[in-house]
Amino acid sequence: MKEFTDLQTHIDKAIDWVWNLLPNLVLAIILFIVGLWVVKFLNRLVRKFFQKKDYDQTLETFIQSFISIALKIVLFVLVVTQLGVKTSSLVAMLGAAGLAIGLALQGSLANFAGGVLILLFKPFKVGDFISAQGVDGTVKEISIFNTKLNTFGNQLAIIPNGQLSNGNVINYNAEPIRRDNYTIGIGYDSNIKDAKTILLNICAENENVLKDPAPEVYLASLGDSSVNLSLRYWAKNEDFWSAKFFIHEESKLRFDEAGIEIPFPQRVVHEKGD
C-alpha cells in the first residue's frame, strides 16, 4: 500500500511538473519557429543590402554566413532560457561545451581563422581563377570554413580555408594581363630566322595578342634532337586562352607549309646480319 502511495505521489509530481512546464514549452516552440523566420528574413535583408551596394562578393558571402550562424546561436540561447534554464547555468554550460568543442574541432577553428585572413588580406576573390592545393579553378564561393572552386571540367572542388590561408596560392586574375612562354622545337636543319619570323607574324595577326609589350622569340636551348625556340607574348586575362590555342595550332600549320620540321622521338633499329 505504501509503495502504491509513493508511486502515486511521483506520478502527481510528474504531472504537476509537465503542467508547469507546458506553457514555457509552448512558448519556446513558438519562439523557435518565429525565430527561424526572423533569421531567414534578416538574411534576405542582408542579401538585398549587398546587392544594392557595390560590395565585394567575397565579403558578402562571408558576412551572410557569419550572421546566419550568430543569429541561430542567439536563438538557441533564447529558447533554452525560455524553458527555464538559468542564464548563469547556461553560460557555464556553454563555456564548458565551447571548450570541449574547441578542442574537438581545432581544424574547424583553423578554417574559420583562415576565412577571416582571406577576407582581410584578399589574396583572391569570387570570380578569380586560382591554383591552390593541387586544384585549378574559378572561385565560386568563400564561406566561413571553406572555399568552393569550379574546375575546368565544371566539377566543384571544396578546399578548407585553413589550408588556403597557409598554403601557396597562384591568382591568375590578380593582374589584368598575362604572359605565356610557349616553347616549340624545330629541326637542326631548319632555318631559325624563318621560324622566328613565322611565330612573330602569327602574334601580329592575332588581335588577342597585345602589341605592347611586344612579342619576343628567343633561342631557348639546343636539345638532343631539336632547337628549342621560346615565344613570349602577352594577352588580357579574358583573351589568354583564345590566343594560346590559336598560336599552338597556327605554328604547326605554318611550319608544315614552310617545310620547317618539328622533331618527334624516333627509334632506329639496325638488324645485324649473319
C-alpha atoms as a PDB file:
ATOM      1  CA  MET A   1       0.000   0.000   0.000  1.00  0.00           C
ATOM      2  CA  LYS A   2       2.819   2.371   0.881  1.00  0.00           C
ATOM      3  CA  GLU A   3       4.601   1.618  -2.386  1.00  0.00           C
ATOM      4  CA  PHE A   4       1.422   2.389  -4.312  1.00  0.00           C
ATOM      5  CA  THR A   5       1.106   5.691  -2.407  1.00  0.00           C
ATOM      6  CA  ASP A   6       4.729   6.616  -3.179  1.00  0.00           C
ATOM      7  CA  LEU A   7       4.203   5.796  -6.880  1.00  0.00           C
ATOM      8  CA  GLN A   8       1.056   7.896  -6.958  1.00  0.00           C
ATOM      9  CA  THR A   9       2.956  10.742  -5.348  1.00  0.00           C
ATOM     10  CA  HIS A  10       5.682  10.589  -8.021  1.00  0.00           C
ATOM     11  CA  ILE A  11       3.093  10.486 -10.790  1.00  0.00           C
ATOM     12  CA  ASP A  12       1.318  13.508  -9.326  1.00  0.00           C
ATOM     13  CA  LYS A  13       4.620  15.395  -9.129  1.00  0.00           C
ATOM     14  CA  ALA A  14       5.427  14.469 -12.719  1.00  0.00           C
ATOM     15  CA  ILE A  15       2.038  15.659 -13.896  1.00  0.00           C
ATOM     16  CA  ASP A  16       2.429  18.905 -11.977  1.00  0.00           C
ATOM     17  CA  TRP A  17       5.908  19.376 -13.493  1.00  0.00           C
ATOM     18  CA  VAL A  18       4.575  18.799 -17.017  1.00  0.00           C
ATOM     19  CA  TRP A  19       1.697  21.209 -16.477  1.00  0.00           C
ATOM     20  CA  ASN A  20       4.073  23.818 -15.084  1.00  0.00           C
ATOM     21  CA  LEU A  21       6.500  23.283 -17.967  1.00  0.00           C
ATOM     22  CA  LEU A  22       3.863  23.130 -20.693  1.00  0.00           C
ATOM     23  CA  PRO A  23       3.316  26.918 -21.057  1.00  0.00           C
ATOM     24  CA  ASN A  24       7.068  27.513 -21.285  1.00  0.00           C
ATOM     25  CA  LEU A  25       7.438  24.628 -23.717  1.00  0.00           C
ATOM     26  CA  VAL A  26       4.701  26.008 -25.969  1.00  0.00           C
ATOM     27  CA  LEU A  27       6.258  29.472 -25.822  1.00  0.00           C
ATOM     28  CA  ALA A  28       9.693  28.005 -26.570  1.00  0.00           C
ATOM     29  CA  ILE A  29       8.346  26.190 -29.643  1.00  0.00           C
ATOM     30  CA  ILE A  30       6.623  29.355 -30.847  1.00  0.00           C
ATOM     31  CA  LEU A  31       9.802  31.332 -30.162  1.00  0.00           C
ATOM     32  CA  PHE A  32      11.848  28.777 -32.112  1.00  0.00           C
ATOM     33  CA  ILE A  33       9.545  28.855 -35.142  1.00  0.00           C
ATOM     34  CA  VAL A  34       9.255  32.645 -35.158  1.00  0.00           C
ATOM     35  CA  GLY A  35      12.993  32.958 -34.543  1.00  0.00           C
ATOM     36  CA  LEU A  36      13.846  30.842 -37.582  1.00  0.00           C
ATOM     37  CA  TRP A  37      11.551  33.011 -39.691  1.00  0.00           C
ATOM     38  CA  VAL A  38      13.234  36.161 -38.341  1.00  0.00           C
ATOM     39  CA  VAL A  39      16.686  34.726 -39.106  1.00  0.00           C
ATOM     40  CA  LYS A  40      15.664  33.979 -42.707  1.00  0.00           C
ATOM     41  CA  PHE A  41      14.087  37.424 -43.024  1.00  0.00           C
ATOM     42  CA  LEU A  42      17.228  39.172 -41.732  1.00  0.00           C
ATOM     43  CA  ASN A  43      19.378  37.087 -44.079  1.00  0.00           C
ATOM     44  CA  ARG A  44      17.238  38.247 -47.012  1.00  0.00           C
ATOM     45  CA  LEU A  45      17.631  41.860 -45.870  1.00  0.00           C
ATOM     46  CA  VAL A  46      21.403  41.453 -45.677  1.00  0.00           C
ATOM     47  CA  ARG A  47      21.445  39.871 -49.140  1.00  0.00           C
ATOM     48  CA  LYS A  48      19.381  42.698 -50.618  1.00  0.00           C
ATOM     49  CA  PHE A  49      21.608  45.259 -48.915  1.00  0.00           C
ATOM     50  CA  PHE A  50      24.733  43.815 -50.522  1.00  0.00           C
ATOM     51  CA  GLN A  51      23.008  43.542 -53.892  1.00  0.00           C
ATOM     52  CA  LYS A  52      22.130  47.258 -53.844  1.00  0.00           C
ATOM     53  CA  LYS A  53      25.622  48.290 -52.776  1.00  0.00           C
ATOM     54  CA  ASP A  54      28.783  47.731 -54.766  1.00  0.00           C
ATOM     55  CA  TYR A  55      30.484  45.448 -52.237  1.00  0.00           C
ATOM     56  CA  ASP A  56      32.947  42.657 -52.874  1.00  0.00           C
ATOM     57  CA  GLN A  57      31.054  39.392 -53.326  1.00  0.00           C
ATOM     58  CA  THR A  58      33.629  37.668 -51.131  1.00  0.00           C
ATOM     59  CA  LEU A  59      32.700  39.936 -48.218  1.00  0.00           C
ATOM     60  CA  GLU A  60      29.009  39.410 -48.923  1.00  0.00           C
ATOM     61  CA  THR A  61      29.151  35.606 -48.732  1.00  0.00           C
ATOM     62  CA  PHE A  62      31.343  35.564 -45.636  1.00  0.00           C
ATOM     63  CA  ILE A  63      29.246  38.061 -43.666  1.00  0.00           C
ATOM     64  CA  GLN A  64      25.983  36.329 -44.617  1.00  0.00           C
ATOM     65  CA  SER A  65      27.312  33.011 -43.331  1.00  0.00           C
ATOM     66  CA  PHE A  66      28.621  34.602 -40.129  1.00  0.00           C
ATOM     67  CA  ILE A  67      25.380  36.475 -39.409  1.00  0.00           C
ATOM     68  CA  SER A  68      23.278  33.367 -40.035  1.00  0.00           C
ATOM     69  CA  ILE A  69      25.303  31.269 -37.585  1.00  0.00           C
ATOM     70  CA  ALA A  70      25.431  34.048 -34.948  1.00  0.00           C
ATOM     71  CA  LEU A  71      21.654  34.596 -35.085  1.00  0.00           C
ATOM     72  CA  LYS A  72      20.974  30.863 -34.734  1.00  0.00           C
ATOM     73  CA  ILE A  73      23.199  30.723 -31.650  1.00  0.00           C
ATOM     74  CA  VAL A  74      21.287  33.659 -30.118  1.00  0.00           C
ATOM     75  CA  LEU A  75      18.005  31.911 -30.945  1.00  0.00           C
ATOM     76  CA  PHE A  76      19.205  28.730 -29.234  1.00  0.00           C
ATOM     77  CA  VAL A  77      20.077  30.683 -26.077  1.00  0.00           C
ATOM     78  CA  LEU A  78      16.663  32.378 -26.036  1.00  0.00           C
ATOM     79  CA  VAL A  79      14.789  29.096 -26.498  1.00  0.00           C
ATOM     80  CA  VAL A  80      16.742  27.313 -23.754  1.00  0.00           C
ATOM     81  CA  THR A  81      16.259  30.270 -21.414  1.00  0.00           C
ATOM     82  CA  GLN A  82      12.511  30.182 -22.105  1.00  0.00           C
ATOM     83  CA  LEU A  83      12.450  26.546 -20.955  1.00  0.00           C
ATOM     84  CA  GLY A  84      13.594  27.681 -17.512  1.00  0.00           C
ATOM     85  CA  VAL A  85      17.327  27.164 -17.692  1.00  0.00           C
ATOM     86  CA  LYS A  86      19.032  29.897 -15.647  1.00  0.00           C
ATOM     87  CA  THR A  87      21.317  32.242 -17.539  1.00  0.00           C
ATOM     88  CA  SER A  88      24.242  31.614 -15.208  1.00  0.00           C
ATOM     89  CA  SER A  89      23.881  27.873 -15.624  1.00  0.00           C
ATOM     90  CA  LEU A  90      23.544  28.279 -19.375  1.00  0.00           C
ATOM     91  CA  VAL A  91      26.699  30.403 -19.573  1.00  0.00           C
ATOM     92  CA  ALA A  92      28.633  27.825 -17.571  1.00  0.00           C
ATOM     93  CA  MET A  93      27.273  25.038 -19.745  1.00  0.00           C
ATOM     94  CA  LEU A  94      28.106  26.892 -22.959  1.00  0.00           C
ATOM     95  CA  GLY A  95      31.580  27.661 -21.648  1.00  0.00           C
ATOM     96  CA  ALA A  96      32.279  24.018 -20.878  1.00  0.00           C
ATOM     97  CA  ALA A  97      30.728  22.917 -24.167  1.00  0.00           C
ATOM     98  CA  GLY A  98      32.702  25.574 -26.023  1.00  0.00           C
ATOM     99  CA  LEU A  99      35.966  24.337 -24.531  1.00  0.00           C
ATOM    100  CA  ALA A 100      35.174  20.729 -25.408  1.00  0.00           C
ATOM    101  CA  ILE A 101      34.023  21.627 -28.892  1.00  0.00           C
ATOM    102  CA  GLY A 102      37.045  23.866 -29.394  1.00  0.00           C
ATOM    103  CA  LEU A 103      39.416  21.021 -28.545  1.00  0.00           C
ATOM    104  CA  ALA A 104      37.493  18.593 -30.747  1.00  0.00           C
ATOM    105  CA  LEU A 105      37.163  20.964 -33.675  1.00  0.00           C
ATOM    106  CA  GLN A 106      40.587  22.589 -33.834  1.00  0.00           C
ATOM    107  CA  GLY A 107      40.630  22.101 -37.588  1.00  0.00           C
ATOM    108  CA  SER A 108      37.306  23.915 -37.992  1.00  0.00           C
ATOM    109  CA  LEU A 109      38.537  26.817 -35.870  1.00  0.00           C
ATOM    110  CA  ALA A 110      41.671  26.982 -38.016  1.00  0.00           C
ATOM    111  CA  ASN A 111      39.460  27.066 -41.106  1.00  0.00           C
ATOM    112  CA  PHE A 112      37.392  29.886 -39.586  1.00  0.00           C
ATOM    113  CA  ALA A 113      40.574  31.849 -38.810  1.00  0.00           C
ATOM    114  CA  GLY A 114      41.750  31.153 -42.362  1.00  0.00           C
ATOM    115  CA  GLY A 115      38.484  32.537 -43.728  1.00  0.00           C
ATOM    116  CA  VAL A 116      38.978  35.722 -41.712  1.00  0.00           C
ATOM    117  CA  LEU A 117      42.533  36.076 -43.061  1.00  0.00           C
ATOM    118  CA  ILE A 118      41.328  35.576 -46.639  1.00  0.00           C
ATOM    119  CA  LEU A 119      38.668  38.222 -46.059  1.00  0.00           C
ATOM    120  CA  LEU A 120      41.178  40.698 -44.596  1.00  0.00           C
ATOM    121  CA  PHE A 121      44.138  40.238 -46.948  1.00  0.00           C
ATOM    122  CA  LYS A 122      42.141  39.262 -50.067  1.00  0.00           C
ATOM    123  CA  PRO A 123      44.653  37.022 -51.869  1.00  0.00           C
ATOM    124  CA  PHE A 124      41.745  36.194 -54.183  1.00  0.00           C
ATOM    125  CA  LYS A 125      38.051  36.962 -54.568  1.00  0.00           C
ATOM    126  CA  VAL A 126      34.961  35.391 -56.078  1.00  0.00           C
ATOM    127  CA  GLY A 127      35.405  35.091 -59.838  1.00  0.00           C
ATOM    128  CA  ASP A 128      39.224  34.803 -59.768  1.00  0.00           C
ATOM    129  CA  PHE A 129      40.944  31.846 -61.412  1.00  0.00           C
ATOM    130  CA  ILE A 130      43.422  30.374 -58.923  1.00  0.00           C
ATOM    131  CA  SER A 131      45.666  27.384 -58.429  1.00  0.00           C
ATOM    132  CA  ALA A 132      45.863  26.057 -54.863  1.00  0.00           C
ATOM    133  CA  GLN A 133      46.322  22.725 -53.090  1.00  0.00           C
ATOM    134  CA  GLY A 134      46.773  20.994 -56.437  1.00  0.00           C
ATOM    135  CA  VAL A 135      43.444  22.287 -57.788  1.00  0.00           C
ATOM    136  CA  ASP A 136      42.887  24.821 -60.591  1.00  0.00           C
ATOM    137  CA  GLY A 137      39.534  26.558 -60.802  1.00  0.00           C
ATOM    138  CA  THR A 138      37.402  29.674 -60.616  1.00  0.00           C
ATOM    139  CA  VAL A 139      36.410  30.805 -57.126  1.00  0.00           C
ATOM    140  CA  LYS A 140      32.666  30.284 -56.767  1.00  0.00           C
ATOM    141  CA  GLU A 141      32.124  30.987 -53.078  1.00  0.00           C
ATOM    142  CA  ILE A 142      34.131  31.855 -49.957  1.00  0.00           C
ATOM    143  CA  SER A 143      32.286  30.801 -46.815  1.00  0.00           C
ATOM    144  CA  ILE A 144      33.318  30.738 -43.168  1.00  0.00           C
ATOM    145  CA  PHE A 145      35.044  27.354 -43.225  1.00  0.00           C
ATOM    146  CA  ASN A 146      35.859  26.573 -46.862  1.00  0.00           C
ATOM    147  CA  THR A 147      36.200  27.911 -50.376  1.00  0.00           C
ATOM    148  CA  LYS A 148      34.457  26.401 -53.402  1.00  0.00           C
ATOM    149  CA  LEU A 149      36.092  26.285 -56.844  1.00  0.00           C
ATOM    150  CA  ASN A 150      34.662  25.397 -60.241  1.00  0.00           C
ATOM    151  CA  THR A 151      37.279  23.396 -62.135  1.00  0.00           C
ATOM    152  CA  PHE A 152      37.789  23.256 -65.915  1.00  0.00           C
ATOM    153  CA  GLY A 153      35.552  20.195 -66.069  1.00  0.00           C
ATOM    154  CA  ASN A 154      32.839  22.045 -64.115  1.00  0.00           C
ATOM    155  CA  GLN A 155      33.423  19.932 -61.029  1.00  0.00           C
ATOM    156  CA  LEU A 156      33.009  21.502 -57.605  1.00  0.00           C
ATOM    157  CA  ALA A 157      36.196  21.499 -55.504  1.00  0.00           C
ATOM    158  CA  ILE A 158      35.871  22.362 -51.804  1.00  0.00           C
ATOM    159  CA  ILE A 159      39.098  23.452 -50.081  1.00  0.00           C
ATOM    160  CA  PRO A 160      39.331  24.238 -46.325  1.00  0.00           C
ATOM    161  CA  ASN A 161      40.202  27.873 -45.650  1.00  0.00           C
ATOM    162  CA  GLY A 162      42.942  26.890 -43.210  1.00  0.00           C
ATOM    163  CA  GLN A 163      44.912  25.216 -45.983  1.00  0.00           C
ATOM    164  CA  LEU A 164      44.312  28.094 -48.386  1.00  0.00           C
ATOM    165  CA  SER A 165      45.476  30.738 -45.908  1.00  0.00           C
ATOM    166  CA  ASN A 166      48.663  28.804 -45.049  1.00  0.00           C
ATOM    167  CA  GLY A 167      49.483  27.312 -48.444  1.00  0.00           C
ATOM    168  CA  ASN A 168      50.700  28.622 -51.773  1.00  0.00           C
ATOM    169  CA  VAL A 169      48.065  30.248 -53.977  1.00  0.00           C
ATOM    170  CA  ILE A 170      48.540  31.421 -57.557  1.00  0.00           C
ATOM    171  CA  ASN A 171      45.971  34.040 -58.565  1.00  0.00           C
ATOM    172  CA  TYR A 172      45.880  34.303 -62.352  1.00  0.00           C
ATOM    173  CA  ASN A 173      43.466  37.249 -62.247  1.00  0.00           C
ATOM    174  CA  ALA A 174      45.458  39.413 -59.857  1.00  0.00           C
ATOM    175  CA  GLU A 175      46.873  41.327 -62.857  1.00  0.00           C
ATOM    176  CA  PRO A 176      44.859  42.416 -65.915  1.00  0.00           C
ATOM    177  CA  ILE A 177      47.276  40.826 -68.419  1.00  0.00           C
ATOM    178  CA  ARG A 178      49.225  37.562 -68.509  1.00  0.00           C
ATOM    179  CA  ARG A 179      52.361  36.397 -70.297  1.00  0.00           C
ATOM    180  CA  ASP A 180      52.741  32.976 -71.885  1.00  0.00           C
ATOM    181  CA  ASN A 181      56.042  31.251 -72.540  1.00  0.00           C
ATOM    182  CA  TYR A 182      55.454  28.936 -75.498  1.00  0.00           C
ATOM    183  CA  THR A 183      58.360  26.604 -76.299  1.00  0.00           C
ATOM    184  CA  ILE A 184      58.475  24.804 -79.646  1.00  0.00           C
ATOM    185  CA  GLY A 185      61.282  22.718 -81.121  1.00  0.00           C
ATOM    186  CA  ILE A 186      62.480  22.730 -84.717  1.00  0.00           C
ATOM    187  CA  GLY A 187      64.957  20.500 -86.518  1.00  0.00           C
ATOM    188  CA  TYR A 188      68.647  21.336 -86.629  1.00  0.00           C
ATOM    189  CA  ASP A 189      68.443  21.598 -90.411  1.00  0.00           C
ATOM    190  CA  SER A 190      65.588  24.151 -90.256  1.00  0.00           C
ATOM    191  CA  ASN A 191      66.116  27.883 -90.658  1.00  0.00           C
ATOM    192  CA  ILE A 192      65.914  29.526 -87.227  1.00  0.00           C
ATOM    193  CA  LYS A 193      65.257  33.019 -88.560  1.00  0.00           C
ATOM    194  CA  ASP A 194      62.360  31.830 -90.739  1.00  0.00           C
ATOM    195  CA  ALA A 195      60.820  30.019 -87.769  1.00  0.00           C
ATOM    196  CA  LYS A 196      61.128  33.133 -85.572  1.00  0.00           C
ATOM    197  CA  THR A 197      59.554  35.289 -88.301  1.00  0.00           C
ATOM    198  CA  ILE A 198      56.589  32.897 -88.615  1.00  0.00           C
ATOM    199  CA  LEU A 199      55.945  32.950 -84.870  1.00  0.00           C
ATOM    200  CA  LEU A 200      56.072  36.749 -84.713  1.00  0.00           C
ATOM    201  CA  ASN A 201      53.735  37.041 -87.731  1.00  0.00           C
ATOM    202  CA  ILE A 202      51.221  34.756 -86.027  1.00  0.00           C
ATOM    203  CA  CYS A 203      51.243  37.040 -82.993  1.00  0.00           C
ATOM    204  CA  ALA A 204      50.929  40.159 -85.148  1.00  0.00           C
ATOM    205  CA  GLU A 205      47.865  38.755 -86.938  1.00  0.00           C
ATOM    206  CA  ASN A 206      46.041  37.753 -83.760  1.00  0.00           C
ATOM    207  CA  GLU A 207      44.022  40.581 -82.202  1.00  0.00           C
ATOM    208  CA  ASN A 208      44.080  38.876 -78.798  1.00  0.00           C
ATOM    209  CA  VAL A 209      47.862  39.168 -78.546  1.00  0.00           C
ATOM    210  CA  LEU A 210      48.948  42.522 -77.127  1.00  0.00           C
ATOM    211  CA  LYS A 211      51.296  44.586 -79.252  1.00  0.00           C
ATOM    212  CA  ASP A 212      52.666  46.354 -76.165  1.00  0.00           C
ATOM    213  CA  PRO A 213      54.574  44.676 -74.595  1.00  0.00           C
ATOM    214  CA  ALA A 214      55.684  43.310 -77.934  1.00  0.00           C
ATOM    215  CA  PRO A 215      56.035  39.552 -78.515  1.00  0.00           C
ATOM    216  CA  GLU A 216      59.574  38.179 -78.486  1.00  0.00           C
ATOM    217  CA  VAL A 217      61.207  34.974 -79.701  1.00  0.00           C
ATOM    218  CA  TYR A 218      64.459  33.590 -78.295  1.00  0.00           C
ATOM    219  CA  LEU A 219      66.546  30.517 -78.874  1.00  0.00           C
ATOM    220  CA  ALA A 220      65.896  28.872 -75.524  1.00  0.00           C
ATOM    221  CA  SER A 221      68.143  25.813 -75.747  1.00  0.00           C
ATOM    222  CA  LEU A 222      69.865  23.321 -78.017  1.00  0.00           C
ATOM    223  CA  GLY A 223      68.239  19.995 -77.245  1.00  0.00           C
ATOM    224  CA  ASP A 224      69.310  16.449 -78.089  1.00  0.00           C
ATOM    225  CA  SER A 225      67.189  16.382 -81.237  1.00  0.00           C
ATOM    226  CA  SER A 226      65.757  19.886 -81.639  1.00  0.00           C
ATOM    227  CA  VAL A 227      66.473  23.589 -81.488  1.00  0.00           C
ATOM    228  CA  ASN A 228      64.021  24.929 -78.905  1.00  0.00           C
ATOM    229  CA  LEU A 229      62.524  28.365 -79.510  1.00  0.00           C
ATOM    230  CA  SER A 230      60.733  30.312 -76.786  1.00  0.00           C
ATOM    231  CA  LEU A 231      57.878  32.618 -77.816  1.00  0.00           C
ATOM    232  CA  ARG A 232      56.863  35.117 -75.132  1.00  0.00           C
ATOM    233  CA  TYR A 233      53.706  37.135 -75.637  1.00  0.00           C
ATOM    234  CA  TRP A 234      51.117  38.978 -73.524  1.00  0.00           C
ATOM    235  CA  ALA A 235      47.317  38.853 -73.563  1.00  0.00           C
ATOM    236  CA  LYS A 236      44.446  40.061 -71.432  1.00  0.00           C
ATOM    237  CA  ASN A 237      43.080  37.525 -68.957  1.00  0.00           C
ATOM    238  CA  GLU A 238      39.806  37.164 -70.826  1.00  0.00           C
ATOM    239  CA  ASP A 239      41.644  36.634 -74.164  1.00  0.00           C
ATOM    240  CA  PHE A 240      44.516  34.484 -72.895  1.00  0.00           C
ATOM    241  CA  TRP A 241      43.229  31.013 -73.783  1.00  0.00           C
ATOM    242  CA  SER A 242      41.950  32.049 -77.213  1.00  0.00           C
ATOM    243  CA  ALA A 243      45.360  33.483 -78.053  1.00  0.00           C
ATOM    244  CA  LYS A 244      47.175  30.427 -76.698  1.00  0.00           C
ATOM    245  CA  PHE A 245      45.163  27.865 -78.651  1.00  0.00           C
ATOM    246  CA  PHE A 246      45.389  29.936 -81.860  1.00  0.00           C
ATOM    247  CA  ILE A 247      49.183  30.217 -81.653  1.00  0.00           C
ATOM    248  CA  HIS A 248      49.642  26.500 -80.958  1.00  0.00           C
ATOM    249  CA  GLU A 249      47.564  25.471 -83.963  1.00  0.00           C
ATOM    250  CA  GLU A 250      48.886  28.081 -86.403  1.00  0.00           C
ATOM    251  CA  SER A 251      52.524  27.410 -85.538  1.00  0.00           C
ATOM    252  CA  LYS A 252      52.129  23.748 -86.515  1.00  0.00           C
ATOM    253  CA  LEU A 253      50.240  24.544 -89.726  1.00  0.00           C
ATOM    254  CA  ARG A 254      52.622  27.261 -90.909  1.00  0.00           C
ATOM    255  CA  PHE A 255      55.762  25.339 -90.028  1.00  0.00           C
ATOM    256  CA  ASP A 256      54.432  22.481 -92.165  1.00  0.00           C
ATOM    257  CA  GLU A 257      53.771  24.900 -95.056  1.00  0.00           C
ATOM    258  CA  ALA A 258      57.281  26.364 -94.772  1.00  0.00           C
ATOM    259  CA  GLY A 259      58.921  22.941 -94.572  1.00  0.00           C
ATOM    260  CA  ILE A 260      60.199  23.565 -91.051  1.00  0.00           C
ATOM    261  CA  GLU A 261      60.490  20.260 -89.254  1.00  0.00           C
ATOM    262  CA  ILE A 262      59.100  19.778 -85.741  1.00  0.00           C
ATOM    263  CA  PRO A 263      61.115  16.795 -84.441  1.00  0.00           C
ATOM    264  CA  PHE A 264      59.463  13.929 -82.617  1.00  0.00           C
ATOM    265  CA  PRO A 265      61.017  10.939 -80.862  1.00  0.00           C
ATOM    266  CA  GLN A 266      62.104   8.199 -83.281  1.00  0.00           C
ATOM    267  CA  ARG A 267      63.791   4.860 -82.842  1.00  0.00           C
ATOM    268  CA  VAL A 268      66.095   3.383 -85.460  1.00  0.00           C
ATOM    269  CA  VAL A 269      66.556  -0.394 -85.410  1.00  0.00           C
ATOM    270  CA  HIS A 270      69.632  -1.906 -87.034  1.00  0.00           C
ATOM    271  CA  GLU A 271      69.444  -5.586 -87.973  1.00  0.00           C
ATOM    272  CA  LYS A 272      72.757  -7.376 -87.710  1.00  0.00           C
ATOM    273  CA  GLY A 273      73.367  -9.879 -90.475  1.00  0.00           C
ATOM    274  CA  ASP A 274      74.797 -13.351 -90.013  1.00  0.00           C
END
